[in-house]
Amino acid sequence: MSEDNIPNDLAALPSMPWLERPLELPLDIEECRTAIWMAAGNISEAAKILKTTSIRLRAFVKKSPYLSAEMQEAADRLVDIAEANVRDALTDELDPSRRDTMSRFVLTNIGKSRGWGTGSPTVNVKNSAGGTIVVQWADGSTFGDESQDDMKTIEHEEFKDAG
């Protein structure tokens, strides 16, 4: 996380001459806060900074509403950064494939409430008994009207069925 995305009032971490923090040395709430922000909310990484176990730090954070709120804020700021990257990709005039890929991601994830991404994107093509190709969607429905064997319409283009 860049420095403009972390609080400017973090406590300095003291030098820690030990390889692992002694159990009898209690965790300091402000040191933990600093380590959490330095690690962008990753408890395992913060524990390494503090030279303690992630189990110990995680238990300490869970007991502290203050540190729990800091963890949530660190996570929210990461989401803010990710959303800025999504916006950049969606408006990338120089790389249309990046823009298209991100559009697909947004529509199938965020756009679900508007009906995007609710169906399966797969199409099954099966050869039926009469040698006719039947396009079947993942929900079992088929494309077109099978009663019109001599003419088929696909994307408003007509062609004669060779079978």
Protein backbone atom coordinates (compact mmCIF):
# COMPACT_ATOMS: atom_id res chain seq x y z
CA MET A 1 0.00 0.00 0.00
CA SER A 2 1.41 3.40 -0.86
CA GLU A 3 2.16 5.90 1.87
CA ASP A 4 -0.75 8.14 0.89
CA ASN A 5 -3.13 5.29 1.75
CA ILE A 6 -1.91 4.74 5.31
CA PRO A 7 -2.51 6.87 8.40
CA ASN A 8 0.19 9.43 9.19
CA ASP A 9 -0.04 8.93 12.96
CA LEU A 10 1.43 5.43 13.21
CA ALA A 11 3.70 4.65 16.13
CA ALA A 12 7.34 3.88 15.39
CA LEU A 13 8.30 0.28 15.94
CA PRO A 14 11.12 -0.25 18.42
CA SER A 15 14.10 -2.35 17.43
CA MET A 16 13.46 -5.90 18.42
CA PRO A 17 16.69 -7.76 19.18
CA TRP A 18 14.98 -11.13 19.52
CA LEU A 19 14.23 -13.63 16.77
CA GLU A 20 10.78 -14.24 18.21
CA ARG A 21 8.91 -11.98 20.59
CA PRO A 22 8.94 -13.52 24.08
CA LEU A 23 5.51 -14.60 25.31
CA GLU A 24 6.02 -12.68 28.55
CA LEU A 25 6.41 -9.45 26.55
CA PRO A 26 2.85 -8.26 25.90
CA LEU A 27 1.80 -6.99 22.52
CA ASP A 28 1.44 -3.21 22.35
CA ILE A 29 -1.74 -2.03 20.67
CA GLU A 30 -0.07 0.84 18.78
CA GLU A 31 2.82 -1.36 17.60
CA CYS A 32 0.24 -3.85 16.33
CA ARG A 33 -1.64 -1.07 14.56
CA THR A 34 1.56 0.07 12.84
CA ALA A 35 2.43 -3.46 11.76
CA ILE A 36 -1.10 -4.03 10.46
CA TRP A 37 -0.90 -0.92 8.29
CA MET A 38 2.64 -1.74 7.13
CA ALA A 39 1.31 -5.15 6.03
CA ALA A 40 -1.86 -3.67 4.44
CA GLY A 41 -4.06 -5.62 6.84
CA ASN A 42 -2.36 -8.98 6.34
CA ILE A 43 -2.11 -10.52 9.83
CA SER A 44 0.54 -13.06 8.88
CA GLU A 45 2.78 -10.34 7.46
CA ALA A 46 2.13 -8.05 10.43
CA ALA A 47 3.06 -10.88 12.79
CA LYS A 48 6.40 -11.28 10.97
CA ILE A 49 7.07 -7.56 11.43
CA LEU A 50 6.33 -7.92 15.15
CA LYS A 51 8.29 -11.18 15.37
CA THR A 52 5.38 -13.07 16.83
CA THR A 53 3.02 -15.78 15.61
CA SER A 54 -0.01 -14.99 13.50
CA ILE A 55 -2.14 -16.96 15.99
CA ARG A 56 -1.08 -14.65 18.81
CA LEU A 57 -1.60 -11.47 16.80
CA ARG A 58 -4.94 -12.63 15.36
CA ALA A 59 -6.25 -13.39 18.88
CA PHE A 60 -5.05 -9.98 20.09
CA VAL A 61 -6.74 -8.19 17.19
CA LYS A 62 -10.02 -10.09 17.73
CA LYS A 63 -10.11 -8.93 21.35
CA SER A 64 -9.60 -5.28 20.39
CA PRO A 65 -12.44 -3.34 18.75
CA TYR A 66 -9.87 -0.62 17.97
CA LEU A 67 -7.56 -2.98 16.05
CA SER A 68 -10.51 -4.76 14.43
CA ALA A 69 -11.68 -1.39 13.08
CA GLU A 70 -8.16 -0.65 11.80
CA MET A 71 -8.11 -4.02 10.03
CA GLN A 72 -11.44 -3.24 8.39
CA GLU A 73 -10.22 0.19 7.30
CA ALA A 74 -7.04 -1.32 5.82
CA ALA A 75 -9.19 -3.82 3.88
CA ASP A 76 -11.54 -1.07 2.71
CA ARG A 77 -8.61 0.98 1.43
CA LEU A 78 -7.36 -2.02 -0.57
CA VAL A 79 -10.82 -2.29 -2.13
CA ASP A 80 -10.66 1.43 -2.97
CA ILE A 81 -7.34 0.87 -4.77
CA ALA A 82 -8.75 -2.14 -6.63
CA GLU A 83 -11.81 -0.14 -7.68
CA ALA A 84 -9.54 2.62 -9.02
CA ASN A 85 -7.70 -0.03 -11.06
CA VAL A 86 -11.02 -1.32 -12.40
CA ARG A 87 -11.99 2.21 -13.43
CA ASP A 88 -8.60 2.67 -15.13
CA ALA A 89 -9.00 -0.59 -17.04
CA LEU A 90 -12.57 0.25 -18.08
CA THR A 91 -11.47 3.56 -19.56
CA ASP A 92 -8.21 2.38 -21.15
CA GLU A 93 -8.35 3.80 -24.67
CA LEU A 94 -4.97 2.32 -25.61
CA ASP A 95 -5.77 -1.32 -24.77
CA PRO A 96 -9.27 -2.39 -25.90
CA SER A 97 -8.74 -6.00 -24.76
CA ARG A 98 -8.00 -4.80 -21.22
CA ARG A 99 -11.15 -2.67 -21.33
CA ASP A 100 -13.24 -5.57 -22.68
CA THR A 101 -11.89 -8.03 -20.13
CA MET A 102 -12.61 -5.67 -17.26
CA SER A 103 -16.10 -4.93 -18.65
CA ARG A 104 -16.85 -8.65 -18.66
CA PHE A 105 -15.57 -8.94 -15.07
CA VAL A 106 -17.67 -6.01 -13.86
CA LEU A 107 -20.84 -7.18 -15.60
CA THR A 108 -20.60 -10.77 -14.36
CA ASN A 109 -19.76 -9.74 -10.79
CA ILE A 110 -21.05 -6.29 -9.90
CA GLY A 111 -23.73 -6.32 -12.63
CA LYS A 112 -25.53 -9.41 -11.31
CA SER A 113 -28.20 -7.23 -9.74
CA ARG A 114 -29.07 -6.03 -13.24
CA GLY A 115 -29.25 -9.53 -14.71
CA TRP A 116 -25.69 -9.79 -16.03
CA GLY A 117 -23.78 -12.96 -15.30
CA THR A 118 -26.77 -14.83 -13.93
CA GLY A 119 -26.72 -17.53 -16.59
CA SER A 120 -24.02 -19.94 -17.59
CA PRO A 121 -21.84 -18.62 -20.43
CA THR A 122 -21.51 -22.05 -22.02
CA VAL A 123 -23.29 -23.30 -25.12
CA ASN A 124 -23.55 -27.01 -25.81
CA VAL A 125 -23.69 -28.17 -29.43
CA LYS A 126 -25.19 -31.64 -29.88
CA ASN A 127 -25.70 -33.72 -33.01
CA SER A 128 -29.27 -35.03 -32.87
CA ALA A 129 -30.48 -38.29 -34.42
CA GLY A 130 -31.36 -36.81 -37.85
CA GLY A 131 -27.90 -35.38 -38.46
CA THR A 132 -29.10 -31.89 -37.56
CA ILE A 133 -26.94 -29.71 -35.35
CA VAL A 134 -28.92 -28.50 -32.33
CA VAL A 135 -27.57 -25.61 -30.30
CA GLN A 136 -28.55 -26.07 -26.70
CA TRP A 137 -27.97 -23.53 -23.91
CA ALA A 138 -26.76 -24.63 -20.50
CA ASP A 139 -30.34 -24.36 -19.14
CA GLY A 140 -31.49 -26.98 -21.67
CA SER A 141 -33.32 -24.62 -24.03
CA THR A 142 -32.50 -24.83 -27.72
CA PHE A 143 -31.87 -22.15 -30.31
CA GLY A 144 -34.51 -21.61 -32.98
CA ASP A 145 -37.63 -23.51 -33.91
CA GLU A 146 -36.83 -27.15 -34.74
CA SER A 147 -40.09 -27.54 -36.74
CA GLN A 148 -38.62 -25.48 -39.61
CA ASP A 149 -36.05 -28.03 -40.88
CA ASP A 150 -35.49 -26.42 -44.30
CA MET A 151 -34.62 -22.89 -43.08
CA LYS A 152 -32.76 -21.76 -39.96
CA THR A 153 -32.15 -18.21 -38.77
CA ILE A 154 -29.03 -17.31 -36.86
CA GLU A 155 -28.32 -13.66 -36.00
CA HIS A 156 -30.90 -12.61 -38.63
CA GLU A 157 -29.06 -14.35 -41.46
CA GLU A 158 -30.84 -17.11 -43.34
CA PHE A 159 -29.15 -20.13 -44.88
CA LYS A 160 -30.39 -23.42 -46.39
CA ASP A 161 -29.99 -26.44 -44.16
CA ALA A 162 -27.74 -28.89 -46.04
CA GLY A 163 -29.11 -31.88 -44.11
